Amino acid sequence: MPELSDFGNDPFWLVCLKTLGVFVILVVLVLFTIWAERRVVARMQMRIGPNRTGPFGLLQSLMDGFKLALKEEIIPVTAHRAVYWLAPLLSAITAFAAFAVIPFGPEVSIFGVITPLQLTDFPQSVLYVLAVASIGIYGLVLAGWSSGSTYPLLGGLRSSAQMISYEISMGLSFVAVFLYAGSMSTSQIVSSQQSLWFAVLLAPSFVIYVTAMVGETNRAPFDLPEAESELVGGFHTEYSSLKFAMFFLAEYINMVTVSSIATTLFLGGWMAPWPLSLIPGINSGWLPMLWWLAKTMLFIYLFIWLRGTLPRLRYDQFMAFGWRVLIPVSLLWIVLVSGLRAIREEMGDTSNTMLAVGAIILAVLLGLLLLATMRRTRVREPDIVEPTGPLSPQAGTFPVPPLPGQTFEYTPRSRQPVAGATTSGSQEEPDA
C-alpha cells in the first residue's frame, strides 16, 4: 500500500507521463461514456442508437467532437467577451484538475522507477477535490451571466443555488469516512478499507453521497440548471462550437470524477471485491486498475439508468429535498458516528453492531422525512367549475380561438359520479 511519503519523489519526466496518462484516461472514458449513454438509453426506449461510425458505433462520439470543433461559432452581441471565453475554460480545467488525487492502483514499476499509480496525494486531498469542484460551478454561473440573455442567467442562478444545497450534503457525507479512516488522504482511505468497505459500514453516508453527486453533476433528475422545458438549454444556451463542446466535456468528466470518488471512499478504491480479494497477488501490479475501472463504470451506468428512467423534479421539490432531507439526515448521522467512535475508544471494539442498528434507525428516519417532504410539496388540484356550452369565436381563448359552433365540456381528473349515469359501459357516445 502506498504511503504519503511515497509521493513527491518522482522525476519530472514521470510526472509529465502520469499527467498525460490521466488526461488520456479521462478523454477515453468520456468518449465511451457518451457512446454508452446513447446505446443504453436507446435500448431502454427500444431504439438502436449509434451503430454506423466504427464497430458498434464506438467512433460516433469522436466524430461528434470533430463536428462540434468545426461548427460555426456565434457570439451574442450583448455578451461580455472576456468572461464569455473564460467560463468554458474554467469548467473544463477544474474538471481535469480534480482527478489529480484519484488513486488508480498500488505501487508499480514504470521504466524502472517504483511509483504509485496516482498523480499526487497529500493529507487533505479530499478537501482539494471539494474545493476544485466548487470552483468549477463558477464556470456555469459566469457563463449564464456573460451571455447577456435571460434564460442563461436563470440557469446560472440555479447552478449557484444547487451548488450551495448539494455541496453541503456531499461534504457532510465525507465526515464519517474521515472519522473511520483517520485521514483525508485518498490513498490512506483506500488502505483503511482492506477488511470492510465503507459502503457497508457507513451505508447512510454512501446513500447521501450517491444522491448528492447526481445533483452536483447536473444530471437527471436533478438537471435543473439546463432544464429544456423552462430554460431552453440553461447556462449554455448562447454557446456553440468548441465552447459548447468544452461544457459538454466538463459535464462528463465530472461524472467520471464523482464516480471515482465514490469508488475511492466507499468501495475500496482499486482493491478487488470479496471473495476475489482472498486470491494472493490479486491487488498487486497493474491488475487493480481493472477493479477501479469496473467500479467506476458501475456508477456511470447508474447515471445513465437514472437519466433513462426518472423524470425531472420540480425546482421546489429539488431544493426541499436537499435542505429538508439530506442535510438534516447527514447531521444526525455524523452525531451518531461520532458518539459511537467515542464509545469504541472507551469500551473497546463493540461499536460496529451499534453502528448497524443506528444505520437502520437513520434509514427509517430518512424514509419518514422523505415522505413528509413529498406530502408537503404535493400540489392539490383546485376544485374549479368551468362553464359548459357554446363558445364565442371572439372570446380569444388560449391558445387557439374556437371554431364556430364548437362546444367545450370541462372534464376534471377525478370525475365526480353523475346522478342517473350508468356504469355498465353500454351507453353510446354522442357524435362529436
Protein backbone atom coordinates (compact mmCIF):
# COMPACT_ATOMS: atom_id res chain seq x y z
CA MET A 1 0.00 0.00 0.00
CA PRO A 2 1.38 3.46 -0.89
CA GLU A 3 2.24 5.83 1.96
CA LEU A 4 2.18 9.62 1.90
CA SER A 5 5.96 9.64 1.95
CA ASP A 6 5.97 7.84 -1.43
CA PHE A 7 4.54 10.91 -3.20
CA GLY A 8 6.53 13.89 -4.38
CA ASN A 9 9.66 11.89 -5.20
CA ASP A 10 9.02 11.17 -8.89
CA PRO A 11 11.32 12.65 -11.55
CA PHE A 12 9.92 15.37 -13.77
CA TRP A 13 9.53 13.15 -16.82
CA LEU A 14 7.49 10.65 -14.80
CA VAL A 15 5.19 13.41 -13.51
CA CYS A 16 4.60 14.52 -17.11
CA LEU A 17 3.95 10.92 -18.16
CA LYS A 18 1.43 10.43 -15.33
CA THR A 19 -0.32 13.68 -16.22
CA LEU A 20 -0.60 12.60 -19.84
CA GLY A 21 -1.91 9.21 -18.73
CA VAL A 22 -4.63 10.79 -16.57
CA PHE A 23 -5.63 13.06 -19.47
CA VAL A 24 -5.85 10.16 -21.93
CA ILE A 25 -7.82 8.01 -19.47
CA LEU A 26 -10.35 10.80 -18.90
CA VAL A 27 -10.82 11.57 -22.60
CA VAL A 28 -11.26 7.88 -23.49
CA LEU A 29 -13.71 7.38 -20.61
CA VAL A 30 -15.70 10.43 -21.71
CA LEU A 31 -15.95 9.16 -25.28
CA PHE A 32 -17.01 5.72 -24.10
CA THR A 33 -19.49 7.17 -21.57
CA ILE A 34 -21.23 9.27 -24.24
CA TRP A 35 -21.47 6.22 -26.51
CA ALA A 36 -22.69 4.00 -23.65
CA GLU A 37 -25.33 6.51 -22.61
CA ARG A 38 -26.75 6.73 -26.12
CA ARG A 39 -26.73 2.96 -26.56
CA VAL A 40 -28.18 2.12 -23.13
CA VAL A 41 -30.92 4.76 -23.28
CA ALA A 42 -31.73 3.64 -26.82
CA ARG A 43 -32.12 0.07 -25.60
CA MET A 44 -34.38 1.27 -22.77
CA GLN A 45 -36.52 3.13 -25.33
CA MET A 46 -36.48 0.22 -27.84
CA ARG A 47 -34.26 2.06 -30.32
CA ILE A 48 -30.92 1.16 -31.90
CA GLY A 49 -28.67 4.07 -31.03
CA PRO A 50 -25.35 4.88 -32.74
CA ASN A 51 -24.19 1.89 -34.80
CA ARG A 52 -22.73 3.29 -38.05
CA THR A 53 -19.44 5.04 -37.29
CA GLY A 54 -16.87 2.46 -36.26
CA PRO A 55 -17.56 -1.03 -34.88
CA PHE A 56 -20.82 -0.93 -32.88
CA GLY A 57 -20.79 2.87 -33.34
CA LEU A 58 -17.83 3.29 -30.97
CA LEU A 59 -16.35 6.16 -33.01
CA GLN A 60 -19.57 8.18 -33.07
CA SER A 61 -18.58 10.29 -30.02
CA LEU A 62 -15.20 11.09 -31.60
CA MET A 63 -16.86 12.21 -34.83
CA ASP A 64 -19.31 14.37 -32.87
CA GLY A 65 -16.35 16.05 -31.19
CA PHE A 66 -14.77 16.85 -34.56
CA LYS A 67 -18.11 18.18 -35.79
CA LEU A 68 -18.53 20.48 -32.78
CA ALA A 69 -14.99 21.81 -33.14
CA LEU A 70 -15.55 22.68 -36.82
CA LYS A 71 -19.01 24.23 -36.50
CA GLU A 72 -19.52 27.95 -36.98
CA GLU A 73 -19.34 29.94 -33.75
CA ILE A 74 -22.00 32.53 -32.93
CA ILE A 75 -21.29 35.02 -30.13
CA PRO A 76 -24.17 37.24 -28.90
CA VAL A 77 -23.71 40.98 -29.34
CA THR A 78 -24.63 41.61 -25.70
CA ALA A 79 -22.12 39.07 -24.35
CA HIS A 80 -19.19 40.09 -22.13
CA ARG A 81 -16.40 38.74 -24.32
CA ALA A 82 -13.72 38.11 -21.64
CA VAL A 83 -15.99 36.26 -19.21
CA TYR A 84 -17.78 34.54 -22.11
CA TRP A 85 -14.46 32.96 -23.14
CA LEU A 86 -13.30 32.28 -19.57
CA ALA A 87 -16.38 30.30 -18.43
CA PRO A 88 -15.93 27.13 -20.55
CA LEU A 89 -12.18 27.12 -19.86
CA LEU A 90 -12.83 27.31 -16.12
CA SER A 91 -15.30 24.43 -16.22
CA ALA A 92 -13.05 22.16 -18.31
CA ILE A 93 -9.76 22.87 -16.47
CA THR A 94 -11.23 22.30 -13.00
CA ALA A 95 -12.85 19.08 -14.21
CA PHE A 96 -9.42 17.74 -15.21
CA ALA A 97 -7.67 19.11 -12.10
CA ALA A 98 -9.99 17.32 -9.67
CA PHE A 99 -8.69 13.96 -10.92
CA ALA A 100 -5.12 14.59 -9.71
CA VAL A 101 -5.61 12.83 -6.34
CA ILE A 102 -7.62 9.80 -7.50
CA PRO A 103 -5.70 6.52 -6.91
CA PHE A 104 -5.73 4.01 -9.78
CA GLY A 105 -3.71 1.24 -8.14
CA PRO A 106 -0.78 0.31 -5.86
CA GLU A 107 2.89 0.91 -6.47
CA VAL A 108 4.18 -0.32 -9.83
CA SER A 109 7.38 -0.09 -11.83
CA ILE A 110 7.36 2.42 -14.72
CA PHE A 111 10.58 2.25 -16.74
CA GLY A 112 12.43 1.02 -13.67
CA VAL A 113 11.04 3.63 -11.24
CA ILE A 114 8.80 2.41 -8.40
CA THR A 115 5.88 4.82 -8.13
CA PRO A 116 2.21 4.77 -7.01
CA LEU A 117 -0.49 4.69 -9.69
CA GLN A 118 -1.65 8.12 -8.61
CA LEU A 119 -0.57 11.57 -9.75
CA THR A 120 -0.22 13.03 -6.26
CA ASP A 121 -1.59 12.82 -2.73
CA PHE A 122 -1.43 14.87 0.45
CA PRO A 123 -3.16 14.81 3.87
CA GLN A 124 -6.11 16.99 2.72
CA SER A 125 -6.65 15.59 -0.79
CA VAL A 126 -10.42 15.03 -0.41
CA LEU A 127 -10.88 18.67 0.61
CA TYR A 128 -8.91 19.60 -2.51
CA VAL A 129 -11.45 17.73 -4.64
CA LEU A 130 -14.33 19.60 -2.99
CA ALA A 131 -12.58 22.95 -3.49
CA VAL A 132 -11.90 22.31 -7.17
CA ALA A 133 -15.47 21.10 -7.74
CA SER A 134 -16.79 24.30 -6.14
CA ILE A 135 -14.64 26.44 -8.43
CA GLY A 136 -15.94 24.52 -11.44
CA ILE A 137 -19.50 25.57 -10.67
CA TYR A 138 -18.47 29.19 -11.13
CA GLY A 139 -17.90 28.40 -14.80
CA LEU A 140 -21.61 27.72 -15.15
CA VAL A 141 -22.57 30.85 -13.22
CA LEU A 142 -20.24 33.07 -15.25
CA ALA A 143 -21.47 31.50 -18.49
CA GLY A 144 -25.04 32.39 -17.60
CA TRP A 145 -24.19 35.96 -16.65
CA SER A 146 -21.82 36.73 -19.53
CA SER A 147 -24.22 35.56 -22.26
CA GLY A 148 -26.38 38.67 -21.86
CA SER A 149 -29.61 36.66 -22.08
CA THR A 150 -32.40 35.89 -19.63
CA TYR A 151 -32.52 32.10 -19.83
CA PRO A 152 -28.77 31.54 -19.36
CA LEU A 153 -28.81 33.93 -16.41
CA LEU A 154 -31.59 31.97 -14.71
CA GLY A 155 -29.70 28.74 -15.40
CA GLY A 156 -26.58 30.20 -13.82
CA LEU A 157 -28.53 31.28 -10.73
CA ARG A 158 -29.96 27.81 -10.41
CA SER A 159 -26.43 26.41 -10.62
CA SER A 160 -25.26 28.54 -7.70
CA ALA A 161 -28.26 27.53 -5.60
CA GLN A 162 -27.70 23.89 -6.49
CA MET A 163 -24.03 24.17 -5.51
CA ILE A 164 -24.87 25.60 -2.10
CA SER A 165 -27.50 22.94 -1.43
CA TYR A 166 -25.81 19.75 -2.55
CA GLU A 167 -22.17 20.64 -1.86
CA ILE A 168 -23.09 20.81 1.82
CA SER A 169 -24.63 17.33 1.75
CA MET A 170 -21.66 15.95 -0.18
CA GLY A 171 -19.16 17.42 2.27
CA LEU A 172 -21.09 16.14 5.29
CA SER A 173 -21.19 12.62 3.83
CA PHE A 174 -17.37 12.56 3.93
CA VAL A 175 -17.12 13.30 7.66
CA ALA A 176 -17.97 9.76 8.77
CA VAL A 177 -15.38 8.40 6.31
CA PHE A 178 -12.75 10.71 7.79
CA LEU A 179 -13.61 9.56 11.32
CA TYR A 180 -13.24 5.87 10.48
CA ALA A 181 -10.24 6.21 8.16
CA GLY A 182 -8.41 8.64 10.41
CA SER A 183 -7.19 10.57 7.37
CA MET A 184 -8.33 12.80 4.50
CA SER A 185 -5.78 11.29 2.11
CA THR A 186 -7.34 9.27 -0.70
CA SER A 187 -4.60 6.62 -0.64
CA GLN A 188 -4.94 6.17 3.14
CA ILE A 189 -8.73 5.93 2.88
CA VAL A 190 -8.33 3.10 0.35
CA SER A 191 -5.86 1.36 2.68
CA SER A 192 -8.30 1.54 5.62
CA GLN A 193 -10.93 -0.45 3.65
CA GLN A 194 -8.93 -3.68 3.33
CA SER A 195 -11.18 -5.54 5.79
CA LEU A 196 -14.57 -3.91 5.08
CA TRP A 197 -15.76 -1.34 2.55
CA PHE A 198 -17.21 1.88 3.93
CA ALA A 199 -20.27 1.44 1.67
CA VAL A 200 -21.28 -1.36 4.06
CA LEU A 201 -20.01 0.11 7.31
CA LEU A 202 -21.24 3.64 6.58
CA ALA A 203 -24.24 2.92 4.38
CA PRO A 204 -26.14 6.18 5.12
CA SER A 205 -23.09 8.24 4.11
CA PHE A 206 -22.87 6.23 0.91
CA VAL A 207 -26.54 6.80 0.04
CA ILE A 208 -26.27 10.52 0.82
CA TYR A 209 -23.18 10.89 -1.34
CA VAL A 210 -24.66 9.00 -4.30
CA THR A 211 -27.72 11.25 -4.17
CA ALA A 212 -25.66 14.42 -3.81
CA MET A 213 -23.28 13.51 -6.64
CA VAL A 214 -26.19 13.34 -9.09
CA GLY A 215 -27.21 16.86 -8.09
CA GLU A 216 -23.61 18.06 -8.19
CA THR A 217 -23.15 17.00 -11.80
CA ASN A 218 -26.47 18.48 -13.05
CA ARG A 219 -27.71 15.11 -14.22
CA ALA A 220 -31.32 13.95 -14.47
CA PRO A 221 -33.49 14.07 -12.44
CA PHE A 222 -31.52 16.99 -10.93
CA ASP A 223 -30.57 18.79 -14.19
CA LEU A 224 -32.50 21.94 -13.25
CA PRO A 225 -29.82 24.46 -14.41
CA GLU A 226 -30.30 23.29 -18.02
CA ALA A 227 -33.97 22.33 -17.94
CA GLU A 228 -35.17 22.44 -21.54
CA SER A 229 -38.82 22.69 -20.50
CA GLU A 230 -38.46 26.17 -18.98
CA LEU A 231 -34.88 27.41 -19.62
CA VAL A 232 -34.18 26.15 -23.18
CA GLY A 233 -30.58 24.98 -22.65
CA GLY A 234 -29.88 26.84 -19.44
CA PHE A 235 -26.45 28.35 -18.88
CA HIS A 236 -25.05 27.20 -22.26
CA THR A 237 -27.97 28.36 -24.42
CA GLU A 238 -25.84 31.04 -26.16
CA TYR A 239 -22.77 28.80 -26.60
CA SER A 240 -21.86 26.91 -29.76
CA SER A 241 -18.97 25.18 -31.49
CA LEU A 242 -15.89 24.39 -29.39
CA LYS A 243 -17.04 26.31 -26.31
CA PHE A 244 -20.19 24.21 -26.08
CA ALA A 245 -18.05 21.10 -26.53
CA MET A 246 -15.95 22.16 -23.53
CA PHE A 247 -19.05 22.40 -21.34
CA PHE A 248 -20.14 19.02 -22.66
CA LEU A 249 -16.69 17.58 -21.90
CA ALA A 250 -16.66 19.07 -18.38
CA GLU A 251 -20.03 17.52 -17.54
CA TYR A 252 -18.93 14.02 -18.46
CA ILE A 253 -15.52 14.38 -16.80
CA ASN A 254 -17.32 15.43 -13.62
CA MET A 255 -19.39 12.27 -13.91
CA VAL A 256 -16.20 10.20 -14.03
CA THR A 257 -14.66 12.20 -11.17
CA VAL A 258 -17.55 11.81 -8.73
CA SER A 259 -17.83 8.13 -9.67
CA SER A 260 -14.12 7.71 -8.92
CA ILE A 261 -14.53 9.49 -5.57
CA ALA A 262 -17.39 7.15 -4.67
CA THR A 263 -15.19 4.20 -5.64
CA THR A 264 -12.28 5.53 -3.59
CA LEU A 265 -14.16 6.50 -0.44
CA PHE A 266 -16.80 3.78 -0.23
CA LEU A 267 -15.98 0.79 -2.47
CA GLY A 268 -12.37 0.13 -1.54
CA GLY A 269 -10.82 2.01 -4.46
CA TRP A 270 -8.68 -0.21 -6.66
CA MET A 271 -8.85 -3.27 -4.35
CA ALA A 272 -10.60 -6.37 -5.66
CA PRO A 273 -14.03 -7.22 -4.25
CA TRP A 274 -14.57 -10.16 -1.92
CA PRO A 275 -14.05 -13.12 -2.45
CA LEU A 276 -11.57 -12.26 -5.23
CA SER A 277 -9.56 -10.35 -2.64
CA LEU A 278 -8.64 -13.68 -1.00
CA ILE A 279 -6.54 -14.67 -4.03
CA PRO A 280 -2.82 -13.96 -3.39
CA GLY A 281 -1.41 -11.18 -5.57
CA ILE A 282 -4.80 -10.03 -6.86
CA ASN A 283 -4.19 -6.49 -5.54
CA SER A 284 -0.67 -6.04 -6.89
CA GLY A 285 0.78 -4.81 -10.17
CA TRP A 286 -1.36 -3.28 -12.92
CA LEU A 287 -4.36 -5.59 -12.44
CA PRO A 288 -6.07 -3.39 -9.76
CA MET A 289 -6.71 -0.76 -12.44
CA LEU A 290 -9.34 -3.14 -13.84
CA TRP A 291 -11.15 -3.26 -10.48
CA TRP A 292 -11.08 0.53 -10.28
CA LEU A 293 -12.43 0.81 -13.82
CA ALA A 294 -15.20 -1.74 -13.20
CA LYS A 295 -16.41 0.07 -10.06
CA THR A 296 -16.28 3.47 -11.76
CA MET A 297 -18.25 2.22 -14.75
CA LEU A 298 -20.85 0.82 -12.35
CA PHE A 299 -21.56 4.33 -11.08
CA ILE A 300 -21.56 5.73 -14.61
CA TYR A 301 -24.19 3.16 -15.54
CA LEU A 302 -26.18 4.39 -12.53
CA PHE A 303 -26.12 7.91 -14.02
CA ILE A 304 -27.33 6.57 -17.36
CA TRP A 305 -30.03 4.43 -15.77
CA LEU A 306 -31.38 7.39 -13.78
CA ARG A 307 -31.47 9.55 -16.91
CA GLY A 308 -33.43 6.95 -18.81
CA THR A 309 -35.99 6.20 -16.10
CA LEU A 310 -36.67 9.15 -13.79
CA PRO A 311 -38.44 12.38 -14.82
CA ARG A 312 -37.10 15.78 -13.85
CA LEU A 313 -38.13 17.13 -10.45
CA ARG A 314 -39.80 20.47 -9.86
CA TYR A 315 -37.43 23.11 -8.54
CA ASP A 316 -39.18 23.42 -5.17
CA GLN A 317 -39.02 19.64 -4.71
CA PHE A 318 -35.35 19.67 -5.62
CA MET A 319 -34.42 22.37 -3.09
CA ALA A 320 -36.67 20.95 -0.37
CA PHE A 321 -35.08 17.52 -0.72
CA GLY A 322 -31.59 19.00 -0.32
CA TRP A 323 -32.28 21.26 2.66
CA ARG A 324 -35.03 19.37 4.49
CA VAL A 325 -33.89 15.77 3.98
CA LEU A 326 -30.24 15.32 3.02
CA ILE A 327 -28.64 17.94 5.28
CA PRO A 328 -30.60 17.06 8.49
CA VAL A 329 -30.01 13.33 7.95
CA SER A 330 -26.30 13.97 7.35
CA LEU A 331 -26.00 15.93 10.59
CA LEU A 332 -27.83 13.23 12.58
CA TRP A 333 -25.60 10.55 11.10
CA ILE A 334 -22.42 12.48 11.96
CA VAL A 335 -23.56 12.85 15.57
CA LEU A 336 -24.33 9.12 15.74
CA VAL A 337 -20.99 8.08 14.23
CA SER A 338 -19.04 10.47 16.46
CA GLY A 339 -20.79 9.14 19.55
CA LEU A 340 -20.13 5.53 18.60
CA ARG A 341 -16.47 6.27 17.90
CA ALA A 342 -16.16 7.81 21.37
CA ILE A 343 -17.85 4.76 22.92
CA ARG A 344 -15.49 2.49 20.99
CA GLU A 345 -12.47 4.24 22.44
CA GLU A 346 -13.88 3.89 25.95
CA MET A 347 -15.39 0.38 25.83
CA GLY A 348 -13.39 -1.35 23.13
CA ASP A 349 -14.30 -2.73 19.70
CA THR A 350 -18.09 -3.02 20.18
CA SER A 351 -19.37 -0.18 18.03
CA ASN A 352 -19.89 -1.97 14.70
CA THR A 353 -23.10 -3.64 15.88
CA MET A 354 -24.34 -0.39 17.38
CA LEU A 355 -23.44 1.38 14.15
CA ALA A 356 -25.54 -1.08 12.15
CA VAL A 357 -28.51 -0.53 14.49
CA GLY A 358 -28.03 3.24 14.20
CA ALA A 359 -27.94 2.97 10.41
CA ILE A 360 -31.28 1.12 10.40
CA ILE A 361 -32.84 3.75 12.66
CA LEU A 362 -31.48 6.53 10.48
CA ALA A 363 -32.81 4.84 7.33
CA VAL A 364 -36.28 4.76 8.90
CA LEU A 365 -35.98 8.45 9.81
CA LEU A 366 -34.83 9.21 6.26
CA GLY A 367 -37.89 7.47 4.83
CA LEU A 368 -40.20 9.39 7.16
CA LEU A 369 -38.56 12.72 6.28
CA LEU A 370 -38.79 11.94 2.57
CA LEU A 371 -42.46 11.01 2.88
CA ALA A 372 -43.22 14.17 4.84
CA THR A 373 -41.39 16.32 2.29
CA MET A 374 -43.22 14.74 -0.64
CA ARG A 375 -46.59 15.29 1.03
CA ARG A 376 -45.67 18.88 1.88
CA THR A 377 -44.65 19.78 -1.68
CA ARG A 378 -47.53 17.99 -3.36
CA VAL A 379 -49.82 20.42 -5.17
CA ARG A 380 -53.51 19.62 -4.89
CA GLU A 381 -55.67 20.25 -7.92
CA PRO A 382 -58.11 23.08 -7.14
CA ASP A 383 -61.80 22.44 -7.42
CA ILE A 384 -62.60 24.55 -10.49
CA VAL A 385 -66.02 24.53 -12.07
CA GLU A 386 -65.82 25.69 -15.67
CA PRO A 387 -68.85 26.67 -17.73
CA THR A 388 -70.05 24.21 -20.35
CA GLY A 389 -71.73 25.31 -23.54
CA PRO A 390 -71.13 27.05 -26.86
CA LEU A 391 -68.05 29.26 -27.08
CA SER A 392 -67.80 32.54 -28.92
CA PRO A 393 -65.13 32.77 -31.66
CA GLN A 394 -64.45 36.32 -30.47
CA ALA A 395 -63.60 35.14 -26.94
CA GLY A 396 -59.92 34.86 -27.81
CA THR A 397 -59.50 31.66 -25.80
CA PHE A 398 -55.93 30.48 -25.35
CA PRO A 399 -54.13 29.06 -27.24
CA VAL A 400 -56.47 28.80 -30.28
CA PRO A 401 -59.90 30.50 -30.65
CA PRO A 402 -62.77 28.01 -31.00
CA LEU A 403 -64.43 27.18 -34.28
CA PRO A 404 -68.00 28.42 -34.89
CA GLY A 405 -70.46 26.13 -33.14
CA GLN A 406 -67.74 24.35 -31.11
CA THR A 407 -68.68 23.39 -27.55
CA PHE A 408 -66.49 22.82 -24.53
CA GLU A 409 -67.04 20.28 -21.78
CA TYR A 410 -64.84 20.61 -18.69
CA THR A 411 -63.53 17.20 -17.55
CA PRO A 412 -61.54 17.26 -14.29
CA ARG A 413 -59.06 14.49 -13.49
CA SER A 414 -61.22 12.96 -10.79
CA ARG A 415 -64.64 12.94 -12.41
CA GLN A 416 -67.47 13.00 -9.90
CA PRO A 417 -70.27 10.45 -10.48
CA VAL A 418 -73.22 11.99 -12.30
CA ALA A 419 -76.73 11.28 -11.00
CA GLY A 420 -78.53 8.78 -13.20
CA ALA A 421 -75.40 7.74 -15.13
CA THR A 422 -74.96 4.07 -15.90
CA THR A 423 -71.78 2.11 -15.11
CA SER A 424 -72.32 -0.81 -17.47
CA GLY A 425 -70.36 0.84 -20.28
CA SER A 426 -73.12 0.11 -22.83
CA GLN A 427 -74.14 3.76 -23.24
CA GLU A 428 -73.32 5.11 -26.71
CA GLU A 429 -71.06 8.10 -27.06
CA PRO A 430 -72.71 11.14 -28.71
CA ASP A 431 -71.46 12.26 -32.08
CA ALA A 432 -68.72 14.89 -31.98
